[in-house]
Amino acid sequence: MRRLVKRLYLIFRAIIFSFFSLFTFPMRRKGFSEKSISNILIVGLNRIGDNIVSIPTFKAIKENLPQAKISVLANSLVKDILDEVSSIDKVVTYGKDTSFLQKIKLVNRLRENHFDLAIDLTCDYSFVGALWTYLSKAKYRLGYNIFGRGFLFNRPIKHSKQPIDVVDEILNIIKGISLGTEDKKPKILPSKEAEGAIEQFLQKKGVSDNHLLIGIHPGGYYPSQRWLPERFVEVADRIIEKYKAKIILIAGAKEERLIKEIEDKIVNKVIIFLGQPLKNLIALISRCNLLIGNNSGPLHIATALGISTVSVMGPTDPVRWWPKGDKNIVIRKDLPCSPCNRGICKEHKCMRLITAEEVMEAVSKSIKVIDENRKD
């Protein structure tokens, strides 16, 4: 019922705002000259994975418009990622704690920059990114026209109804002004400062370069994205007993209860990495030989770092979010109800049907390759 109500709301919204589009239509015919672009605002996305998959777009904009200064407006939670992207000149942040008055001041700050081009990277029906783009008063405003959002842009882009890889989906926005790139692989490096902090952390935990270090992230943004905790427990114990590996359980501050539940059930000793800054998480994952987890932020960090991964995928759309590359193994059940993209599911079949044995088989394949590379 809730999904039906939501669908009806979006259709009604699209009809209403299509009316507004009639008045802004003449503005959409403005010509676009690359030479006139010297100051760009990119309205970024909120989550870790979203920003990782946006990196090729940041790079493409810089490659095509090297003369332009690129500023990114983003959630403060992802600033540590954006700070390490060389294509970005400035990161401007806001968060849940940003008051209405502070947001008004932020709008004024954005307008003082006199942006030539503002690009909203949002790929869904959310209005927030489109509104920031509009309020910037940039000469050209670019973004997807999804369920009526288009009236806030003067260069609206048609959104494909068919699911495509999320990297391509974001890149398609800038194709609307004839920008593009052949390099579609997200890449990131840890900061030197964070690398030093993590090296000290691992030394205190008795981890050296000779150890096989495996990170496990059992969390996920939605409950439906999380594999069963008891199966992470089984996998962790079996890896330690079979490979004598050092296991590090990774979690954000809000996942403390989940980590505690898993830690209490694991027979062997594990290391806990809880609630540290995002820049330290990036540095930690860069030190791991393998990351095991759900389809969530740490997985996308690992793929961008070139670290081997084994992940389980449930309600998430595999066409959009399947991690690319030979180093990434994904375990997924092809069910009639999946992908559903629901945050909560009572049956949770797509995750319950994935066994610890299946994950261990994938882990064994990955470790075999890792060991061969370590010997070379």
Protein backbone atom coordinates (compact mmCIF):
# COMPACT_ATOMS: atom_id res chain seq x y z
CA MET A 1 0.00 0.00 0.00
CA ARG A 2 2.79 2.43 0.92
CA ARG A 3 4.53 1.81 -2.41
CA LEU A 4 1.29 2.52 -4.29
CA VAL A 5 0.75 5.78 -2.38
CA LYS A 6 4.33 6.82 -3.09
CA ARG A 7 3.93 6.03 -6.78
CA LEU A 8 0.72 8.06 -7.01
CA TYR A 9 2.40 10.98 -5.24
CA LEU A 10 5.30 10.97 -7.70
CA ILE A 11 2.97 10.84 -10.71
CA PHE A 12 0.89 13.71 -9.31
CA ARG A 13 4.06 15.67 -8.58
CA ALA A 14 5.32 15.13 -12.12
CA ILE A 15 2.05 16.46 -13.57
CA ILE A 16 2.07 19.56 -11.35
CA PHE A 17 5.68 20.47 -12.02
CA SER A 18 5.35 19.77 -15.73
CA PHE A 19 3.02 22.78 -15.67
CA PHE A 20 5.83 24.93 -14.23
CA SER A 21 8.10 23.64 -16.97
CA LEU A 22 5.95 25.39 -19.56
CA PHE A 23 7.11 28.74 -18.17
CA THR A 24 10.79 27.79 -18.01
CA PHE A 25 10.94 26.12 -21.43
CA PRO A 26 12.39 29.15 -23.30
CA MET A 27 15.30 29.25 -20.84
CA ARG A 28 16.23 25.70 -21.79
CA ARG A 29 17.23 26.71 -25.27
CA LYS A 30 20.34 28.57 -24.13
CA GLY A 31 23.43 27.67 -26.08
CA PHE A 32 26.35 26.12 -24.26
CA SER A 33 29.95 27.18 -24.81
CA GLU A 34 32.74 25.24 -23.07
CA LYS A 35 35.06 28.24 -23.36
CA SER A 36 32.70 30.33 -21.24
CA ILE A 37 32.86 27.91 -18.29
CA SER A 38 35.42 28.85 -15.63
CA ASN A 39 33.55 28.15 -12.39
CA ILE A 40 31.55 24.96 -11.77
CA LEU A 41 29.38 23.80 -8.87
CA ILE A 42 28.65 20.08 -8.59
CA VAL A 43 25.90 19.11 -6.17
CA GLY A 44 27.11 15.77 -4.86
CA LEU A 45 25.32 12.79 -3.35
CA ASN A 46 24.88 11.83 0.29
CA ARG A 47 26.29 8.34 0.81
CA ILE A 48 29.77 6.86 0.62
CA GLY A 49 29.13 4.56 -2.33
CA ASP A 50 27.34 7.28 -4.28
CA ASN A 51 30.37 9.56 -4.04
CA ILE A 52 32.80 6.79 -4.95
CA VAL A 53 30.91 6.05 -8.18
CA SER A 54 30.79 9.80 -8.94
CA ILE A 55 34.60 10.03 -9.16
CA PRO A 56 34.78 9.26 -12.93
CA THR A 57 32.33 12.13 -13.51
CA PHE A 58 34.46 14.57 -11.49
CA LYS A 59 37.48 13.47 -13.49
CA ALA A 60 35.67 13.76 -16.84
CA ILE A 61 34.56 17.32 -16.09
CA LYS A 62 38.12 18.35 -15.20
CA GLU A 63 39.55 16.65 -18.30
CA ASN A 64 37.07 18.35 -20.62
CA LEU A 65 37.10 21.74 -18.87
CA PRO A 66 40.65 22.02 -17.43
CA GLN A 67 40.38 25.80 -17.14
CA ALA A 68 37.43 25.56 -14.74
CA LYS A 69 37.50 25.59 -10.95
CA ILE A 70 35.36 22.75 -9.60
CA SER A 71 33.53 23.11 -6.27
CA VAL A 72 31.45 20.28 -4.83
CA LEU A 73 28.55 20.80 -2.44
CA ALA A 74 28.12 17.64 -0.38
CA ASN A 75 27.11 16.10 2.91
CA SER A 76 29.81 16.62 5.55
CA LEU A 77 29.90 12.85 6.16
CA VAL A 78 31.60 12.24 2.80
CA LYS A 79 34.08 15.14 2.86
CA ASP A 80 37.04 12.81 3.54
CA ILE A 81 36.41 11.03 0.22
CA LEU A 82 36.06 14.20 -1.82
CA ASP A 83 39.17 15.75 -0.26
CA GLU A 84 41.25 13.00 -1.88
CA VAL A 85 39.82 13.51 -5.39
CA SER A 86 42.39 15.53 -7.33
CA SER A 87 39.81 16.75 -9.86
CA ILE A 88 38.00 18.72 -7.15
CA ASP A 89 39.32 22.15 -6.19
CA LYS A 90 37.01 22.90 -3.26
CA VAL A 91 34.55 20.99 -1.07
CA VAL A 92 31.64 22.85 0.54
CA THR A 93 29.66 20.89 3.13
CA TYR A 94 26.40 20.85 5.02
CA GLY A 95 24.78 18.22 7.22
CA LYS A 96 21.77 17.19 9.27
CA ASP A 97 22.78 19.68 11.96
CA THR A 98 22.83 22.59 9.51
CA SER A 99 20.07 24.98 10.60
CA PHE A 100 17.66 26.75 8.26
CA LEU A 101 19.47 30.05 8.84
CA GLN A 102 22.82 28.41 8.06
CA LYS A 103 21.38 27.02 4.84
CA ILE A 104 20.24 30.49 3.80
CA LYS A 105 23.76 31.78 4.44
CA LEU A 106 25.13 28.87 2.41
CA VAL A 107 22.86 29.78 -0.51
CA ASN A 108 24.20 33.34 -0.39
CA ARG A 109 27.79 32.03 -0.33
CA LEU A 110 27.09 29.90 -3.39
CA ARG A 111 25.59 32.82 -5.26
CA GLU A 112 28.60 35.01 -4.47
CA ASN A 113 30.71 32.57 -6.51
CA HIS A 114 28.76 33.40 -9.70
CA PHE A 115 28.95 29.83 -11.02
CA ASP A 116 28.80 29.41 -14.79
CA LEU A 117 27.58 25.83 -14.52
CA ALA A 118 25.84 23.85 -11.76
CA ILE A 119 25.37 20.08 -12.09
CA ASP A 120 23.10 17.95 -9.90
CA LEU A 121 24.28 14.33 -9.80
CA THR A 122 21.06 12.97 -8.28
CA CYS A 123 19.74 9.92 -10.15
CA ASP A 124 16.40 9.52 -8.38
CA TYR A 125 13.26 11.56 -7.61
CA SER A 126 14.80 13.51 -4.68
CA PHE A 127 14.31 17.26 -4.91
CA VAL A 128 17.17 18.36 -2.65
CA GLY A 129 20.01 18.34 -5.19
CA ALA A 130 17.85 19.99 -7.86
CA LEU A 131 16.86 22.73 -5.42
CA TRP A 132 20.48 23.49 -4.46
CA THR A 133 21.31 23.66 -8.17
CA TYR A 134 18.47 26.10 -8.80
CA LEU A 135 19.28 28.28 -5.79
CA SER A 136 22.91 28.63 -6.90
CA LYS A 137 21.68 30.87 -9.76
CA ALA A 138 24.30 29.38 -12.06
CA LYS A 139 24.01 30.40 -15.72
CA TYR A 140 23.60 26.77 -16.82
CA ARG A 141 21.83 24.30 -14.52
CA LEU A 142 22.07 20.63 -15.43
CA GLY A 143 20.37 17.55 -14.01
CA TYR A 144 17.99 14.65 -14.55
CA ASN A 145 14.32 15.41 -15.16
CA ILE A 146 12.77 12.71 -12.97
CA PHE A 147 9.15 13.01 -11.79
CA GLY A 148 8.96 16.73 -12.45
CA ARG A 149 12.37 17.89 -11.19
CA GLY A 150 13.24 19.26 -14.63
CA PHE A 151 11.71 22.70 -14.15
CA LEU A 152 14.55 23.58 -11.75
CA PHE A 153 17.12 23.12 -14.54
CA ASN A 154 17.60 25.05 -17.75
CA ARG A 155 19.49 22.08 -19.22
CA PRO A 156 17.29 19.15 -18.09
CA ILE A 157 18.48 15.67 -19.05
CA LYS A 158 16.15 12.80 -19.92
CA HIS A 159 16.59 9.85 -17.57
CA SER A 160 16.68 6.32 -18.98
CA LYS A 161 13.81 4.12 -17.81
CA GLN A 162 16.02 1.04 -18.15
CA PRO A 163 18.51 0.38 -15.32
CA ILE A 164 22.17 0.86 -16.25
CA ASP A 165 25.43 0.77 -14.31
CA VAL A 166 25.37 3.65 -11.82
CA VAL A 167 28.75 5.01 -13.03
CA ASP A 168 27.30 5.34 -16.54
CA GLU A 169 24.07 6.74 -15.15
CA ILE A 170 25.93 9.63 -13.50
CA LEU A 171 28.23 10.15 -16.48
CA ASN A 172 25.19 10.42 -18.76
CA ILE A 173 24.26 13.67 -17.02
CA ILE A 174 27.32 15.47 -18.38
CA LYS A 175 26.88 13.84 -21.78
CA GLY A 176 24.00 16.27 -22.03
CA ILE A 177 26.61 18.99 -22.60
CA SER A 178 28.85 16.72 -24.69
CA LEU A 179 31.34 15.86 -21.94
CA GLY A 180 32.59 12.32 -21.38
CA THR A 181 35.48 9.98 -20.61
CA GLU A 182 36.75 6.50 -21.46
CA ASP A 183 38.08 5.94 -17.94
CA LYS A 184 35.00 4.80 -16.01
CA LYS A 185 36.73 3.10 -13.09
CA PRO A 186 36.43 4.90 -9.74
CA LYS A 187 39.87 5.33 -8.14
CA ILE A 188 40.87 6.74 -4.78
CA LEU A 189 43.98 6.86 -2.59
CA PRO A 190 44.25 7.23 1.20
CA SER A 191 45.81 10.35 2.69
CA LYS A 192 49.35 10.10 4.09
CA GLU A 193 48.11 11.33 7.46
CA ALA A 194 45.47 8.59 7.67
CA GLU A 195 47.95 5.94 6.53
CA GLY A 196 50.22 6.88 9.43
CA ALA A 197 47.36 6.72 11.93
CA ILE A 198 46.27 3.29 10.68
CA GLU A 199 49.82 1.94 10.74
CA GLN A 200 50.05 2.87 14.42
CA PHE A 201 46.61 1.35 15.08
CA LEU A 202 47.56 -1.96 13.46
CA GLN A 203 50.93 -2.12 15.21
CA LYS A 204 49.19 -1.75 18.57
CA LYS A 205 46.91 -4.64 17.58
CA GLY A 206 49.88 -6.83 16.67
CA VAL A 207 49.37 -6.73 12.90
CA SER A 208 52.43 -6.66 10.65
CA ASP A 209 52.89 -6.59 6.86
CA ASN A 210 53.39 -10.37 6.93
CA HIS A 211 49.90 -11.07 8.25
CA LEU A 212 46.95 -11.86 6.02
CA LEU A 213 44.61 -9.01 6.99
CA ILE A 214 40.92 -9.44 6.19
CA GLY A 215 38.27 -6.82 6.89
CA ILE A 216 34.65 -7.76 7.51
CA HIS A 217 31.91 -5.14 7.31
CA PRO A 218 28.58 -6.67 8.37
CA GLY A 219 26.61 -3.41 8.22
CA GLY A 220 24.52 -1.73 5.57
CA TYR A 221 22.37 1.35 5.14
CA TYR A 222 19.13 -0.65 5.23
CA PRO A 223 18.40 -3.82 7.26
CA SER A 224 17.47 -5.65 4.05
CA GLN A 225 21.01 -5.13 2.72
CA ARG A 226 22.61 -6.97 5.65
CA TRP A 227 23.54 -10.63 5.61
CA LEU A 228 22.76 -12.62 8.76
CA PRO A 229 25.13 -11.76 11.68
CA GLU A 230 25.53 -15.41 12.71
CA ARG A 231 26.87 -16.25 9.25
CA PHE A 232 29.48 -13.53 9.48
CA VAL A 233 30.44 -15.14 12.79
CA GLU A 234 30.85 -18.55 11.14
CA VAL A 235 32.88 -17.13 8.25
CA ALA A 236 35.19 -15.17 10.56
CA ASP A 237 35.95 -18.20 12.74
CA ARG A 238 36.53 -20.48 9.76
CA ILE A 239 38.92 -18.00 8.11
CA ILE A 240 40.97 -17.60 11.29
CA GLU A 241 41.17 -21.35 11.85
CA LYS A 242 41.98 -22.20 8.23
CA TYR A 243 44.27 -19.33 7.23
CA LYS A 244 45.55 -17.94 10.57
CA ALA A 245 44.43 -14.55 9.28
CA LYS A 246 43.93 -11.38 11.26
CA ILE A 247 40.25 -10.42 11.12
CA ILE A 248 39.16 -6.84 11.65
CA LEU A 249 35.46 -6.06 12.13
CA ILE A 250 34.60 -2.71 10.55
CA ALA A 251 31.64 -0.59 11.62
CA GLY A 252 30.36 2.95 11.83
CA ALA A 253 29.36 4.51 15.14
CA LYS A 254 25.69 3.58 14.59
CA GLU A 255 26.60 -0.09 14.05
CA GLU A 256 28.13 -0.66 17.49
CA ARG A 257 25.35 -2.99 18.65
CA LEU A 258 25.70 -5.15 15.53
CA ILE A 259 29.47 -5.39 15.96
CA LYS A 260 29.11 -6.25 19.65
CA GLU A 261 26.64 -9.02 18.80
CA ILE A 262 29.07 -10.55 16.29
CA GLU A 263 32.18 -10.09 18.45
CA ASP A 264 30.53 -11.83 21.41
CA LYS A 265 29.76 -14.92 19.31
CA ILE A 266 33.11 -15.28 17.54
CA VAL A 267 35.25 -17.90 19.26
CA ASN A 268 38.58 -16.51 18.08
CA LYS A 269 40.13 -13.12 18.77
CA VAL A 270 39.28 -10.32 16.33
CA ILE A 271 40.14 -6.64 16.02
CA ILE A 272 37.42 -4.00 16.25
CA PHE A 273 37.49 -0.85 14.10
CA LEU A 274 34.53 1.23 15.23
CA GLY A 275 33.35 4.75 14.49
CA GLN A 276 36.63 6.19 13.22
CA PRO A 277 36.85 9.04 10.67
CA LEU A 278 36.12 8.13 7.07
CA LYS A 279 39.68 9.00 6.00
CA ASN A 280 40.97 6.38 8.47
CA LEU A 281 38.50 3.82 7.11
CA ILE A 282 39.86 4.40 3.60
CA ALA A 283 43.42 3.94 4.86
CA LEU A 284 42.48 0.78 6.79
CA ILE A 285 40.78 -0.84 3.80
CA SER A 286 43.84 0.00 1.67
CA ARG A 287 45.88 -2.15 4.10
CA CYS A 288 43.52 -5.13 3.92
CA ASN A 289 44.23 -8.02 1.59
CA LEU A 290 40.53 -8.78 1.33
CA LEU A 291 37.24 -7.14 2.33
CA ILE A 292 34.12 -9.21 3.03
CA GLY A 293 30.73 -7.57 3.42
CA ASN A 294 27.41 -6.43 2.06
CA ASN A 295 26.82 -4.07 -0.86
CA SER A 296 27.61 -0.90 1.08
CA GLY A 297 30.05 2.02 1.34
CA PRO A 298 33.15 0.08 2.46
CA LEU A 299 32.72 -2.32 -0.48
CA HIS A 300 32.82 0.57 -2.96
CA ILE A 301 35.83 2.07 -1.18
CA ALA A 302 37.63 -1.27 -1.53
CA THR A 303 36.89 -1.53 -5.26
CA ALA A 304 38.12 2.04 -5.80
CA LEU A 305 41.33 1.15 -3.94
CA GLY A 306 41.82 -2.02 -6.00
CA ILE A 307 41.38 -4.31 -2.97
CA SER A 308 39.91 -7.80 -3.46
CA THR A 309 36.32 -8.19 -2.24
CA VAL A 310 33.75 -10.88 -1.51
CA SER A 311 30.27 -9.46 -1.09
CA VAL A 312 26.70 -10.63 -0.72
CA MET A 313 23.91 -8.86 -2.60
CA GLY A 314 20.22 -9.06 -1.74
CA PRO A 315 17.59 -6.43 -2.65
CA THR A 316 20.07 -4.20 -4.48
CA ASP A 317 19.81 -3.89 -8.28
CA PRO A 318 22.78 -5.86 -9.70
CA VAL A 319 22.68 -3.99 -13.01
CA ARG A 320 23.35 -0.70 -11.22
CA TRP A 321 25.56 -1.72 -8.29
CA TRP A 322 27.55 -4.82 -9.26
CA PRO A 323 31.24 -4.11 -8.42
CA LYS A 324 33.35 -4.36 -11.58
CA GLY A 325 36.66 -6.19 -11.96
CA ASP A 326 38.18 -9.66 -11.55
CA LYS A 327 39.08 -8.95 -7.92
CA ASN A 328 35.43 -8.74 -6.90
CA ILE A 329 33.28 -11.80 -6.23
CA VAL A 330 29.56 -11.29 -5.65
CA ILE A 331 27.19 -13.91 -4.23
CA ARG A 332 23.55 -13.34 -5.08
CA LYS A 333 20.35 -15.38 -5.39
CA ASP A 334 18.32 -14.76 -8.52
CA LEU A 335 14.80 -14.66 -7.07
CA PRO A 336 11.54 -13.42 -8.64
CA CYS A 337 11.22 -10.79 -5.90
CA SER A 338 14.76 -9.46 -6.28
CA PRO A 339 15.85 -6.76 -6.77
CA CYS A 340 13.09 -5.04 -4.78
CA ASN A 341 15.14 -2.14 -3.34
CA ARG A 342 13.09 -2.32 -0.15
CA GLY A 343 14.72 -1.17 3.07
CA ILE A 344 12.98 -3.80 5.21
CA CYS A 345 11.76 -7.27 4.27
CA LYS A 346 10.11 -9.76 6.63
CA GLU A 347 11.04 -12.83 4.59
CA HIS A 348 14.53 -11.65 3.57
CA LYS A 349 14.93 -14.70 1.32
CA CYS A 350 17.57 -13.11 -0.89
CA MET A 351 19.97 -12.96 2.07
CA ARG A 352 18.84 -15.98 4.10
CA LEU A 353 19.46 -18.32 1.15
CA ILE A 354 23.13 -17.31 0.93
CA THR A 355 25.09 -19.78 3.04
CA ALA A 356 28.36 -19.42 4.92
CA GLU A 357 29.72 -22.25 2.78
CA GLU A 358 29.14 -20.24 -0.41
CA VAL A 359 30.95 -17.24 1.04
CA MET A 360 33.83 -19.43 2.23
CA GLU A 361 34.23 -20.87 -1.27
CA ALA A 362 34.52 -17.34 -2.65
CA VAL A 363 36.93 -16.36 0.13
CA SER A 364 39.13 -19.38 -0.63
CA LYS A 365 39.29 -18.42 -4.32
CA SER A 366 40.27 -14.86 -3.43
CA ILE A 367 42.90 -15.88 -0.88
CA LYS A 368 44.47 -18.31 -3.36
CA VAL A 369 45.01 -15.44 -5.82
CA ILE A 370 46.16 -13.10 -3.04
CA ASP A 371 48.74 -15.64 -1.84
CA GLU A 372 50.06 -16.13 -5.36
CA ASN A 373 50.48 -12.37 -5.79
CA ARG A 374 52.18 -12.01 -2.41
CA LYS A 375 54.78 -14.60 -3.40
CA ASP A 376 55.67 -12.80 -6.65
